[in-house]
Amino acid sequence: MKKASVGFAFCGSYCTYDQVFPALQKTAEQYETVLPIVSEHSAETDTRFGTAKELLEKLEAITGHHVLKTIPDVEPIGPQKLLDVLVIAPCTGNTVAKIASAIVDTSVTMAAKAHLRNGRPVIIAISTNDGLSANAQNIGALLARKNIYFVPFRQDDPIGKPTSLVADMDLIPDTIEAALQGKQLQPLLKTI
C-alpha cells in the first residue's frame, strides 16, 4: 500500500461510470486512503445507468470511506491538506469549463480549487461530447495550467460524434503515479 491520499471525484457523465469503477477499485487497492467525492447531481440523480443510492453505496464499499457530496464536505481538503492527488473521473465538459474559468459552485469544483491551492496535482479524465468544439478552448487552457494533468484521451466515436472525447479510464492509476512525480503520462492523445 502506498501512503499517498487520493481524492476520487465523479461528475455526471453517467454512461462512463462502469468504465471508471475498475480504475477506482485498483486505486483503492494501491493507496492507503481513497476519499470518494461526487457532484451534487451525481449524488441525487437516478439514471438508466443506475440510481444515486447505488452509486454512493458502491463508492463507499470500494473505498471504505463516506462519500463527500457537498461544498462544505470538501472545503477542508485545502486548509487541512487532506489529499496528495485529486482525480476527477469522469470529468464532464461542464466541470472542465468551470475549472478553466475558476468557477466554484459544486463539490467537485470546490475540491479542485481547495486542492490546487496547495500546489498539488489534479487529474482530469475527460468525458464530454464537445471536447473538440465548445470545450476545446477550456481543455487547452487546462493543458497549459500548472498542476493539472490529463488521463490520456481519444475521440470515442469520430464518425457518429466527431467532437466527443473520452479518457482511457484504465490509465487512471498510471496517470496518478506520473502526476505524483510531476509528469504528464504520455502519449496524451490515444488512437482508437
N, C-alpha and C. Protein backbone atom coordinates (compact mmCIF):
# COMPACT_ATOMS: atom_id res chain seq x y z
N MET A 1 0.83 -1.19 0.00
CA MET A 1 0.00 0.00 0.00
C MET A 1 0.87 1.24 0.00
N LYS A 2 0.56 2.14 -0.91
CA LYS A 2 1.27 3.42 -0.96
C LYS A 2 0.61 4.39 -0.01
N LYS A 3 1.40 5.24 0.60
CA LYS A 3 0.89 6.13 1.64
C LYS A 3 0.11 7.33 1.12
N ALA A 4 0.18 7.64 -0.15
CA ALA A 4 -0.50 8.82 -0.68
C ALA A 4 -2.01 8.74 -0.46
N SER A 5 -2.60 9.91 -0.26
CA SER A 5 -4.04 10.04 -0.10
C SER A 5 -4.62 10.57 -1.40
N VAL A 6 -5.60 9.83 -1.94
CA VAL A 6 -6.18 10.15 -3.25
C VAL A 6 -7.63 10.55 -3.08
N GLY A 7 -8.00 11.70 -3.63
CA GLY A 7 -9.41 12.05 -3.76
C GLY A 7 -9.88 11.56 -5.12
N PHE A 8 -11.05 10.98 -5.18
CA PHE A 8 -11.57 10.43 -6.44
C PHE A 8 -12.98 10.96 -6.64
N ALA A 9 -13.12 11.93 -7.57
CA ALA A 9 -14.39 12.63 -7.75
C ALA A 9 -15.11 12.18 -9.02
N PHE A 10 -16.41 11.95 -8.89
CA PHE A 10 -17.27 11.57 -10.01
C PHE A 10 -18.16 12.75 -10.38
N CYS A 11 -18.22 13.05 -11.69
CA CYS A 11 -19.16 14.03 -12.22
C CYS A 11 -20.25 13.30 -12.98
N GLY A 12 -21.12 14.05 -13.64
CA GLY A 12 -22.33 13.50 -14.22
C GLY A 12 -22.26 12.80 -15.55
N SER A 13 -21.14 12.33 -16.00
CA SER A 13 -21.10 11.54 -17.23
C SER A 13 -21.43 10.09 -16.88
N TYR A 14 -22.70 9.87 -16.58
CA TYR A 14 -23.17 8.60 -16.01
C TYR A 14 -22.84 7.40 -16.89
N CYS A 15 -22.82 7.59 -18.19
CA CYS A 15 -22.59 6.48 -19.10
C CYS A 15 -21.17 5.92 -19.00
N THR A 16 -20.25 6.66 -18.39
CA THR A 16 -18.87 6.17 -18.28
C THR A 16 -18.55 5.60 -16.90
N TYR A 17 -19.49 5.62 -15.98
CA TYR A 17 -19.22 5.13 -14.63
C TYR A 17 -18.67 3.71 -14.63
N ASP A 18 -19.27 2.83 -15.44
CA ASP A 18 -18.81 1.44 -15.45
C ASP A 18 -17.37 1.31 -15.93
N GLN A 19 -16.90 2.27 -16.73
CA GLN A 19 -15.50 2.27 -17.16
C GLN A 19 -14.58 2.78 -16.05
N VAL A 20 -15.11 3.59 -15.14
CA VAL A 20 -14.30 4.21 -14.09
C VAL A 20 -14.18 3.31 -12.86
N PHE A 21 -15.21 2.54 -12.56
CA PHE A 21 -15.18 1.72 -11.34
C PHE A 21 -13.96 0.80 -11.23
N PRO A 22 -13.54 0.11 -12.30
CA PRO A 22 -12.34 -0.73 -12.18
C PRO A 22 -11.08 0.08 -11.81
N ALA A 23 -10.97 1.29 -12.35
CA ALA A 23 -9.82 2.15 -12.02
C ALA A 23 -9.89 2.60 -10.57
N LEU A 24 -11.09 2.90 -10.10
CA LEU A 24 -11.26 3.26 -8.68
C LEU A 24 -10.88 2.08 -7.79
N GLN A 25 -11.33 0.88 -8.17
CA GLN A 25 -11.01 -0.32 -7.39
C GLN A 25 -9.49 -0.53 -7.33
N LYS A 26 -8.82 -0.41 -8.46
CA LYS A 26 -7.37 -0.58 -8.50
C LYS A 26 -6.67 0.49 -7.66
N THR A 27 -7.16 1.71 -7.73
CA THR A 27 -6.60 2.81 -6.94
C THR A 27 -6.77 2.52 -5.45
N ALA A 28 -7.94 2.05 -5.06
CA ALA A 28 -8.20 1.74 -3.65
C ALA A 28 -7.32 0.59 -3.16
N GLU A 29 -6.95 -0.31 -4.05
CA GLU A 29 -6.06 -1.42 -3.68
C GLU A 29 -4.61 -0.97 -3.56
N GLN A 30 -4.25 0.11 -4.25
CA GLN A 30 -2.86 0.57 -4.27
C GLN A 30 -2.54 1.64 -3.22
N TYR A 31 -3.54 2.43 -2.83
CA TYR A 31 -3.27 3.57 -1.95
C TYR A 31 -3.99 3.40 -0.61
N GLU A 32 -3.31 3.85 0.41
CA GLU A 32 -3.81 3.72 1.77
C GLU A 32 -5.16 4.41 1.97
N THR A 33 -5.34 5.60 1.39
CA THR A 33 -6.58 6.36 1.56
C THR A 33 -7.09 6.81 0.21
N VAL A 34 -8.35 6.48 -0.07
CA VAL A 34 -9.04 6.99 -1.25
C VAL A 34 -10.37 7.56 -0.77
N LEU A 35 -10.51 8.89 -0.91
CA LEU A 35 -11.73 9.56 -0.48
C LEU A 35 -12.65 9.78 -1.67
N PRO A 36 -13.86 9.21 -1.64
CA PRO A 36 -14.79 9.40 -2.76
C PRO A 36 -15.51 10.75 -2.65
N ILE A 37 -15.65 11.39 -3.80
CA ILE A 37 -16.32 12.68 -3.90
C ILE A 37 -17.29 12.58 -5.08
N VAL A 38 -18.47 13.15 -4.95
CA VAL A 38 -19.40 13.20 -6.08
C VAL A 38 -19.96 14.60 -6.21
N SER A 39 -20.30 14.95 -7.45
CA SER A 39 -21.01 16.20 -7.67
C SER A 39 -22.41 16.08 -7.07
N GLU A 40 -23.01 17.20 -6.81
CA GLU A 40 -24.36 17.19 -6.25
C GLU A 40 -25.33 16.47 -7.18
N HIS A 41 -25.19 16.67 -8.48
CA HIS A 41 -26.07 15.98 -9.43
C HIS A 41 -25.87 14.46 -9.37
N SER A 42 -24.64 14.03 -9.29
CA SER A 42 -24.37 12.59 -9.19
C SER A 42 -24.93 12.00 -7.90
N ALA A 43 -24.92 12.79 -6.84
CA ALA A 43 -25.41 12.32 -5.54
C ALA A 43 -26.93 12.20 -5.50
N GLU A 44 -27.61 12.85 -6.44
CA GLU A 44 -29.07 12.93 -6.36
C GLU A 44 -29.82 12.38 -7.57
N THR A 45 -29.12 12.10 -8.67
CA THR A 45 -29.80 11.78 -9.92
C THR A 45 -29.82 10.29 -10.21
N ASP A 46 -31.02 9.76 -10.39
CA ASP A 46 -31.20 8.39 -10.86
C ASP A 46 -31.25 8.42 -12.38
N THR A 47 -30.52 7.51 -13.02
CA THR A 47 -30.49 7.47 -14.49
C THR A 47 -30.69 6.04 -14.95
N ARG A 48 -30.71 5.86 -16.24
CA ARG A 48 -30.82 4.49 -16.79
C ARG A 48 -29.58 3.67 -16.50
N PHE A 49 -28.50 4.34 -16.03
CA PHE A 49 -27.26 3.64 -15.70
C PHE A 49 -27.19 3.24 -14.23
N GLY A 50 -28.19 3.63 -13.44
CA GLY A 50 -28.23 3.27 -12.03
C GLY A 50 -28.77 4.41 -11.18
N THR A 51 -29.05 4.08 -9.94
CA THR A 51 -29.58 5.11 -9.03
C THR A 51 -28.45 5.80 -8.29
N ALA A 52 -28.76 6.97 -7.79
CA ALA A 52 -27.79 7.72 -6.99
C ALA A 52 -27.43 6.92 -5.74
N LYS A 53 -28.40 6.28 -5.14
CA LYS A 53 -28.15 5.49 -3.93
C LYS A 53 -27.17 4.35 -4.23
N GLU A 54 -27.36 3.67 -5.35
CA GLU A 54 -26.44 2.59 -5.74
C GLU A 54 -25.02 3.12 -5.94
N LEU A 55 -24.91 4.29 -6.56
CA LEU A 55 -23.59 4.89 -6.78
C LEU A 55 -22.89 5.16 -5.44
N LEU A 56 -23.59 5.82 -4.53
CA LEU A 56 -22.99 6.15 -3.24
C LEU A 56 -22.59 4.89 -2.47
N GLU A 57 -23.45 3.89 -2.48
CA GLU A 57 -23.14 2.62 -1.79
C GLU A 57 -21.91 1.94 -2.41
N LYS A 58 -21.83 1.97 -3.73
CA LYS A 58 -20.69 1.33 -4.41
C LYS A 58 -19.40 2.07 -4.08
N LEU A 59 -19.43 3.39 -4.12
CA LEU A 59 -18.23 4.17 -3.80
C LEU A 59 -17.76 3.91 -2.37
N GLU A 60 -18.69 3.86 -1.45
CA GLU A 60 -18.32 3.60 -0.05
C GLU A 60 -17.80 2.18 0.13
N ALA A 61 -18.39 1.22 -0.58
CA ALA A 61 -17.92 -0.17 -0.48
C ALA A 61 -16.50 -0.31 -1.03
N ILE A 62 -16.21 0.35 -2.14
CA ILE A 62 -14.88 0.24 -2.75
C ILE A 62 -13.82 0.94 -1.90
N THR A 63 -14.14 2.14 -1.41
CA THR A 63 -13.12 2.95 -0.73
C THR A 63 -13.09 2.79 0.78
N GLY A 64 -14.20 2.35 1.36
CA GLY A 64 -14.27 2.25 2.81
C GLY A 64 -14.44 3.61 3.49
N HIS A 65 -14.81 4.63 2.72
CA HIS A 65 -14.99 5.98 3.27
C HIS A 65 -16.35 6.54 2.86
N HIS A 66 -16.87 7.40 3.71
CA HIS A 66 -18.12 8.11 3.44
C HIS A 66 -17.91 9.03 2.23
N VAL A 67 -18.89 9.13 1.37
CA VAL A 67 -18.80 9.96 0.17
C VAL A 67 -18.97 11.43 0.54
N LEU A 68 -18.06 12.26 0.05
CA LEU A 68 -18.16 13.71 0.21
C LEU A 68 -19.00 14.23 -0.95
N LYS A 69 -20.09 14.93 -0.65
CA LYS A 69 -21.02 15.30 -1.72
C LYS A 69 -21.53 16.73 -1.67
N THR A 70 -20.98 17.55 -0.80
CA THR A 70 -21.38 18.95 -0.73
C THR A 70 -20.14 19.84 -0.66
N ILE A 71 -20.34 21.11 -0.93
CA ILE A 71 -19.23 22.06 -0.83
C ILE A 71 -18.66 22.07 0.58
N PRO A 72 -19.49 22.13 1.64
CA PRO A 72 -18.91 22.08 2.99
C PRO A 72 -18.14 20.79 3.29
N ASP A 73 -18.55 19.67 2.68
CA ASP A 73 -17.83 18.40 2.86
C ASP A 73 -16.40 18.48 2.34
N VAL A 74 -16.22 19.13 1.18
CA VAL A 74 -14.91 19.11 0.51
C VAL A 74 -14.03 20.32 0.82
N GLU A 75 -14.60 21.38 1.35
CA GLU A 75 -13.82 22.60 1.60
C GLU A 75 -12.58 22.35 2.46
N PRO A 76 -12.62 21.46 3.47
CA PRO A 76 -11.42 21.22 4.28
C PRO A 76 -10.25 20.59 3.52
N ILE A 77 -10.47 20.10 2.31
CA ILE A 77 -9.38 19.49 1.54
C ILE A 77 -8.19 20.42 1.44
N GLY A 78 -8.43 21.70 1.23
CA GLY A 78 -7.34 22.68 1.12
C GLY A 78 -6.68 22.99 2.43
N PRO A 79 -7.42 23.59 3.38
CA PRO A 79 -6.79 24.00 4.63
C PRO A 79 -6.15 22.85 5.42
N GLN A 80 -6.77 21.67 5.36
CA GLN A 80 -6.24 20.54 6.11
C GLN A 80 -5.28 19.68 5.29
N LYS A 81 -5.08 20.04 4.04
CA LYS A 81 -4.17 19.30 3.15
C LYS A 81 -4.47 17.80 3.18
N LEU A 82 -5.73 17.48 2.93
CA LEU A 82 -6.20 16.10 3.07
C LEU A 82 -5.73 15.16 1.96
N LEU A 83 -5.38 15.72 0.79
CA LEU A 83 -5.06 14.87 -0.35
C LEU A 83 -3.67 15.14 -0.89
N ASP A 84 -3.08 14.09 -1.47
CA ASP A 84 -1.85 14.25 -2.23
C ASP A 84 -2.16 14.45 -3.70
N VAL A 85 -3.27 13.87 -4.16
CA VAL A 85 -3.68 13.98 -5.56
C VAL A 85 -5.21 13.88 -5.62
N LEU A 86 -5.79 14.61 -6.56
CA LEU A 86 -7.24 14.56 -6.79
C LEU A 86 -7.49 14.12 -8.21
N VAL A 87 -8.31 13.08 -8.35
CA VAL A 87 -8.73 12.57 -9.66
C VAL A 87 -10.18 12.98 -9.88
N ILE A 88 -10.47 13.52 -11.06
CA ILE A 88 -11.86 13.80 -11.43
C ILE A 88 -12.17 12.91 -12.63
N ALA A 89 -12.95 11.86 -12.36
CA ALA A 89 -13.24 10.84 -13.38
C ALA A 89 -14.62 10.24 -13.15
N PRO A 90 -15.50 10.36 -14.09
CA PRO A 90 -15.37 11.12 -15.31
C PRO A 90 -15.49 12.61 -15.04
N CYS A 91 -14.80 13.39 -15.86
CA CYS A 91 -14.86 14.85 -15.75
C CYS A 91 -15.62 15.37 -16.96
N THR A 92 -16.77 15.93 -16.71
CA THR A 92 -17.62 16.43 -17.79
C THR A 92 -17.06 17.72 -18.39
N GLY A 93 -17.56 18.06 -19.56
CA GLY A 93 -17.19 19.33 -20.17
C GLY A 93 -17.62 20.50 -19.32
N ASN A 94 -18.75 20.37 -18.64
CA ASN A 94 -19.22 21.42 -17.75
C ASN A 94 -18.21 21.68 -16.64
N THR A 95 -17.70 20.61 -16.05
CA THR A 95 -16.72 20.77 -14.96
C THR A 95 -15.39 21.28 -15.50
N VAL A 96 -14.97 20.81 -16.66
CA VAL A 96 -13.74 21.33 -17.29
C VAL A 96 -13.86 22.84 -17.48
N ALA A 97 -15.00 23.29 -18.02
CA ALA A 97 -15.21 24.72 -18.27
C ALA A 97 -15.17 25.51 -16.97
N LYS A 98 -15.77 24.97 -15.93
CA LYS A 98 -15.78 25.68 -14.64
C LYS A 98 -14.38 25.77 -14.04
N ILE A 99 -13.63 24.68 -14.08
CA ILE A 99 -12.26 24.71 -13.54
C ILE A 99 -11.40 25.68 -14.34
N ALA A 100 -11.53 25.65 -15.67
CA ALA A 100 -10.76 26.56 -16.52
C ALA A 100 -11.10 28.01 -16.24
N SER A 101 -12.33 28.28 -15.84
CA SER A 101 -12.79 29.65 -15.59
C SER A 101 -12.80 30.02 -14.11
N ALA A 102 -12.26 29.15 -13.26
CA ALA A 102 -12.22 29.39 -11.81
C ALA A 102 -13.61 29.58 -11.20
N ILE A 103 -14.58 28.83 -11.71
CA ILE A 103 -15.93 28.87 -11.15
C ILE A 103 -16.05 27.74 -10.13
N VAL A 104 -16.45 28.10 -8.93
CA VAL A 104 -16.55 27.11 -7.85
C VAL A 104 -17.99 27.12 -7.35
N ASP A 105 -18.79 26.20 -7.89
CA ASP A 105 -20.19 26.14 -7.47
C ASP A 105 -20.70 24.71 -7.28
N THR A 106 -19.77 23.75 -7.24
CA THR A 106 -20.14 22.36 -6.97
C THR A 106 -19.11 21.76 -6.02
N SER A 107 -19.44 20.62 -5.50
CA SER A 107 -18.49 19.94 -4.60
C SER A 107 -17.20 19.57 -5.35
N VAL A 108 -17.30 19.19 -6.62
CA VAL A 108 -16.11 18.78 -7.37
C VAL A 108 -15.24 19.98 -7.70
N THR A 109 -15.83 21.09 -8.13
CA THR A 109 -15.01 22.27 -8.44
C THR A 109 -14.40 22.86 -7.17
N MET A 110 -15.12 22.78 -6.06
CA MET A 110 -14.54 23.24 -4.79
C MET A 110 -13.39 22.33 -4.37
N ALA A 111 -13.55 21.03 -4.55
CA ALA A 111 -12.47 20.11 -4.21
C ALA A 111 -11.23 20.44 -5.03
N ALA A 112 -11.41 20.71 -6.33
CA ALA A 112 -10.28 21.05 -7.19
C ALA A 112 -9.62 22.35 -6.73
N LYS A 113 -10.42 23.37 -6.47
CA LYS A 113 -9.86 24.66 -6.03
C LYS A 113 -9.13 24.50 -4.71
N ALA A 114 -9.76 23.81 -3.76
CA ALA A 114 -9.17 23.64 -2.43
C ALA A 114 -7.84 22.88 -2.53
N HIS A 115 -7.81 21.88 -3.39
CA HIS A 115 -6.61 21.06 -3.55
C HIS A 115 -5.50 21.81 -4.29
N LEU A 116 -5.87 22.54 -5.35
CA LEU A 116 -4.88 23.28 -6.13
C LEU A 116 -4.19 24.38 -5.33
N ARG A 117 -4.87 24.91 -4.33
CA ARG A 117 -4.26 25.97 -3.53
C ARG A 117 -2.99 25.48 -2.82
N ASN A 118 -2.87 24.17 -2.67
CA ASN A 118 -1.70 23.57 -2.04
C ASN A 118 -0.64 23.17 -3.06
N GLY A 119 -0.86 23.51 -4.33
CA GLY A 119 0.13 23.19 -5.36
C GLY A 119 0.26 21.70 -5.61
N ARG A 120 -0.84 20.97 -5.47
CA ARG A 120 -0.83 19.52 -5.64
C ARG A 120 -1.60 19.12 -6.89
N PRO A 121 -1.31 17.95 -7.45
CA PRO A 121 -1.88 17.58 -8.75
C PRO A 121 -3.37 17.26 -8.74
N VAL A 122 -4.02 17.77 -9.79
CA VAL A 122 -5.40 17.42 -10.12
C VAL A 122 -5.37 16.70 -11.46
N ILE A 123 -6.01 15.54 -11.50
CA ILE A 123 -6.04 14.71 -12.71
C ILE A 123 -7.44 14.75 -13.29
N ILE A 124 -7.52 15.02 -14.58
CA ILE A 124 -8.80 15.10 -15.27
C ILE A 124 -8.91 13.94 -16.25
N ALA A 125 -9.97 13.15 -16.09
CA ALA A 125 -10.30 12.07 -17.02
C ALA A 125 -11.54 12.53 -17.79
N ILE A 126 -11.29 13.17 -18.91
CA ILE A 126 -12.34 13.85 -19.67
C ILE A 126 -13.38 12.87 -20.21
N SER A 127 -14.63 13.32 -20.23
CA SER A 127 -15.72 12.60 -20.87
C SER A 127 -16.75 13.65 -21.28
N THR A 128 -16.65 14.10 -22.53
CA THR A 128 -17.53 15.18 -22.98
C THR A 128 -17.79 15.08 -24.48
N ASN A 129 -19.00 15.41 -24.87
CA ASN A 129 -19.38 15.39 -26.28
C ASN A 129 -18.88 16.61 -27.04
N ASP A 130 -18.38 17.64 -26.34
CA ASP A 130 -17.96 18.85 -27.04
C ASP A 130 -16.48 19.18 -26.83
N GLY A 131 -15.67 18.14 -26.63
CA GLY A 131 -14.24 18.35 -26.38
C GLY A 131 -13.48 18.95 -27.54
N LEU A 132 -13.94 18.69 -28.76
CA LEU A 132 -13.29 19.25 -29.94
C LEU A 132 -14.11 20.36 -30.56
N SER A 133 -15.03 20.93 -29.76
CA SER A 133 -15.80 22.09 -30.22
C SER A 133 -15.81 23.11 -29.10
N ALA A 134 -16.94 23.34 -28.48
CA ALA A 134 -17.07 24.41 -27.49
C ALA A 134 -16.09 24.28 -26.32
N ASN A 135 -15.74 23.07 -25.93
CA ASN A 135 -14.85 22.90 -24.79
C ASN A 135 -13.37 22.78 -25.15
N ALA A 136 -13.04 22.83 -26.42
CA ALA A 136 -11.63 22.72 -26.83
C ALA A 136 -10.78 23.80 -26.17
N GLN A 137 -11.30 25.02 -26.11
CA GLN A 137 -10.52 26.11 -25.50
C GLN A 137 -10.30 25.88 -24.02
N ASN A 138 -11.26 25.28 -23.34
CA ASN A 138 -11.10 25.02 -21.91
C ASN A 138 -10.10 23.90 -21.65
N ILE A 139 -10.16 22.87 -22.46
CA ILE A 139 -9.18 21.78 -22.35
C ILE A 139 -7.79 22.34 -22.62
N GLY A 140 -7.66 23.16 -23.65
CA GLY A 140 -6.37 23.78 -23.96
C GLY A 140 -5.86 24.63 -22.81
N ALA A 141 -6.74 25.40 -22.20
CA ALA A 141 -6.33 26.23 -21.07
C ALA A 141 -5.82 25.37 -19.91
N LEU A 142 -6.50 24.26 -19.65
CA LEU A 142 -6.08 23.40 -18.54
C LEU A 142 -4.81 22.62 -18.87
N LEU A 143 -4.62 22.27 -20.13
CA LEU A 143 -3.38 21.59 -20.51
C LEU A 143 -2.16 22.46 -20.23
N ALA A 144 -2.34 23.77 -20.28
CA ALA A 144 -1.23 24.70 -20.06
C ALA A 144 -1.09 25.12 -18.59
N ARG A 145 -2.01 24.68 -17.75
CA ARG A 145 -2.02 25.12 -16.36
C ARG A 145 -1.18 24.20 -15.47
N LYS A 146 -0.47 24.82 -14.56
CA LYS A 146 0.37 24.08 -13.61
C LYS A 146 -0.49 23.21 -12.70
N ASN A 147 0.01 22.02 -12.42
CA ASN A 147 -0.60 21.05 -11.50
C ASN A 147 -1.89 20.41 -12.03
N ILE A 148 -2.19 20.59 -13.32
CA ILE A 148 -3.31 19.90 -13.94
C ILE A 148 -2.74 18.85 -14.89
N TYR A 149 -3.22 17.63 -14.75
CA TYR A 149 -2.77 16.51 -15.58
C TYR A 149 -4.00 15.85 -16.18
N PHE A 150 -3.84 15.29 -17.36
CA PHE A 150 -4.95 14.62 -18.03
C PHE A 150 -4.66 13.13 -18.16
N VAL A 151 -5.69 12.33 -17.94
CA VAL A 151 -5.63 10.92 -18.32
C VAL A 151 -5.65 10.92 -19.85
N PRO A 152 -4.76 10.19 -20.51
CA PRO A 152 -4.76 10.17 -21.97
C PRO A 152 -6.17 9.90 -22.53
N PHE A 153 -6.50 10.64 -23.60
CA PHE A 153 -7.86 10.59 -24.12
C PHE A 153 -7.87 10.44 -25.64
N ARG A 154 -9.08 10.18 -26.17
CA ARG A 154 -9.26 9.95 -27.61
C ARG A 154 -10.67 10.34 -28.00
N GLN A 155 -10.89 10.41 -29.31
CA GLN A 155 -12.25 10.52 -29.81
C GLN A 155 -12.92 9.16 -29.58
N ASP A 156 -14.11 9.16 -29.02
CA ASP A 156 -14.75 7.88 -28.75
C ASP A 156 -15.62 7.40 -29.90
N ASP A 157 -16.06 8.30 -30.78
CA ASP A 157 -16.88 7.92 -31.93
C ASP A 157 -16.68 8.98 -33.02
N PRO A 158 -15.54 8.94 -33.72
CA PRO A 158 -15.22 10.01 -34.68
C PRO A 158 -16.26 10.23 -35.78
N ILE A 159 -16.97 9.20 -36.16
CA ILE A 159 -17.97 9.35 -37.22
C ILE A 159 -19.30 9.82 -36.65
N GLY A 160 -19.80 9.15 -35.64
CA GLY A 160 -21.10 9.48 -35.06
C GLY A 160 -21.09 10.72 -34.18
N LYS A 161 -19.98 10.96 -33.47
CA LYS A 161 -19.85 12.11 -32.56
C LYS A 161 -18.45 12.70 -32.73
N PRO A 162 -18.20 13.41 -33.80
CA PRO A 162 -16.84 13.83 -34.14
C PRO A 162 -16.18 14.79 -33.17
N THR A 163 -16.93 15.42 -32.28
CA THR A 163 -16.30 16.35 -31.32
C THR A 163 -16.19 15.75 -29.92
N SER A 164 -16.60 14.50 -29.75
CA SER A 164 -16.64 13.85 -28.45
C SER A 164 -15.28 13.27 -28.06
N LEU A 165 -14.90 13.49 -26.80
CA LEU A 165 -13.65 12.95 -26.26
C LEU A 165 -13.93 12.15 -25.00
N VAL A 166 -13.15 11.09 -24.81
CA VAL A 166 -13.24 10.31 -23.57
C VAL A 166 -11.84 9.82 -23.20
N ALA A 167 -11.56 9.86 -21.91
CA ALA A 167 -10.28 9.37 -21.40
C ALA A 167 -10.26 7.85 -21.40
N ASP A 168 -9.06 7.30 -21.47
CA ASP A 168 -8.86 5.86 -21.31
C ASP A 168 -8.82 5.60 -19.81
N MET A 169 -9.96 5.27 -19.24
CA MET A 169 -10.10 5.16 -17.79
C MET A 169 -9.16 4.10 -17.19
N ASP A 170 -8.75 3.12 -17.98
CA ASP A 170 -7.80 2.12 -17.49
C ASP A 170 -6.45 2.74 -17.12
N LEU A 171 -6.17 3.92 -17.67
CA LEU A 171 -4.88 4.58 -17.42
C LEU A 171 -4.91 5.52 -16.21
N ILE A 172 -6.01 5.55 -15.48
CA ILE A 172 -6.08 6.42 -14.30
C ILE A 172 -4.98 6.07 -13.30
N PRO A 173 -4.79 4.81 -12.91
CA PRO A 173 -3.71 4.53 -11.93
C PRO A 173 -2.32 4.96 -12.42
N ASP A 174 -2.03 4.73 -13.70
CA ASP A 174 -0.73 5.15 -14.25
C ASP A 174 -0.60 6.68 -14.25
N THR A 175 -1.71 7.36 -14.53
CA THR A 175 -1.69 8.82 -14.53
C THR A 175 -1.47 9.35 -13.12
N ILE A 176 -2.03 8.70 -12.13
CA ILE A 176 -1.80 9.10 -10.74
C ILE A 176 -0.32 9.00 -10.41
N GLU A 177 0.28 7.87 -10.76
CA GLU A 177 1.72 7.68 -10.48
C GLU A 177 2.56 8.77 -11.14
N ALA A 178 2.28 9.05 -12.41
CA ALA A 178 3.04 10.07 -13.13
C ALA A 178 2.83 11.44 -12.52
N ALA A 179 1.58 11.79 -12.22
CA ALA A 179 1.28 13.12 -11.66
C ALA A 179 1.94 13.32 -10.31
N LEU A 180 2.00 12.28 -9.49
CA LEU A 180 2.66 12.40 -8.19
C LEU A 180 4.15 12.68 -8.34
N GLN A 181 4.69 12.37 -9.53
CA GLN A 181 6.09 12.68 -9.85
C GLN A 181 6.21 13.97 -10.65
N GLY A 182 5.08 14.67 -10.84
CA GLY A 182 5.09 15.92 -11.59
C GLY A 182 5.17 15.74 -13.09
N LYS A 183 4.73 14.59 -13.60
CA LYS A 183 4.83 14.30 -15.03
C LYS A 183 3.46 14.02 -15.63
N GLN A 184 3.28 14.44 -16.87
CA GLN A 184 2.09 14.10 -17.63
C GLN A 184 2.32 12.75 -18.30
N LEU A 185 1.43 11.79 -18.07
CA LEU A 185 1.52 10.49 -18.72
C LEU A 185 1.41 10.67 -20.23
N GLN A 186 2.27 10.01 -20.96
CA GLN A 186 2.30 10.13 -22.41
C GLN A 186 2.13 8.76 -23.06
N PRO A 187 1.67 8.68 -24.28
CA PRO A 187 1.19 9.78 -25.07
C PRO A 187 -0.17 10.27 -24.59
N LEU A 188 -0.40 11.57 -24.67
CA LEU A 188 -1.63 12.16 -24.19
C LEU A 188 -2.81 11.84 -25.09
N LEU A 189 -2.56 11.85 -26.39
CA LEU A 189 -3.64 11.56 -27.35
C LEU A 189 -3.54 10.11 -27.78
N LYS A 190 -4.63 9.39 -27.61
CA LYS A 190 -4.69 7.97 -27.96
C LYS A 190 -5.38 7.80 -29.30
N THR A 191 -5.06 6.71 -29.97
CA THR A 191 -5.80 6.36 -31.19
C THR A 191 -6.88 5.36 -30.84
N ILE A 192 -7.81 5.20 -31.72
CA ILE A 192 -8.95 4.30 -31.45
C ILE A 192 -8.49 2.87 -31.37
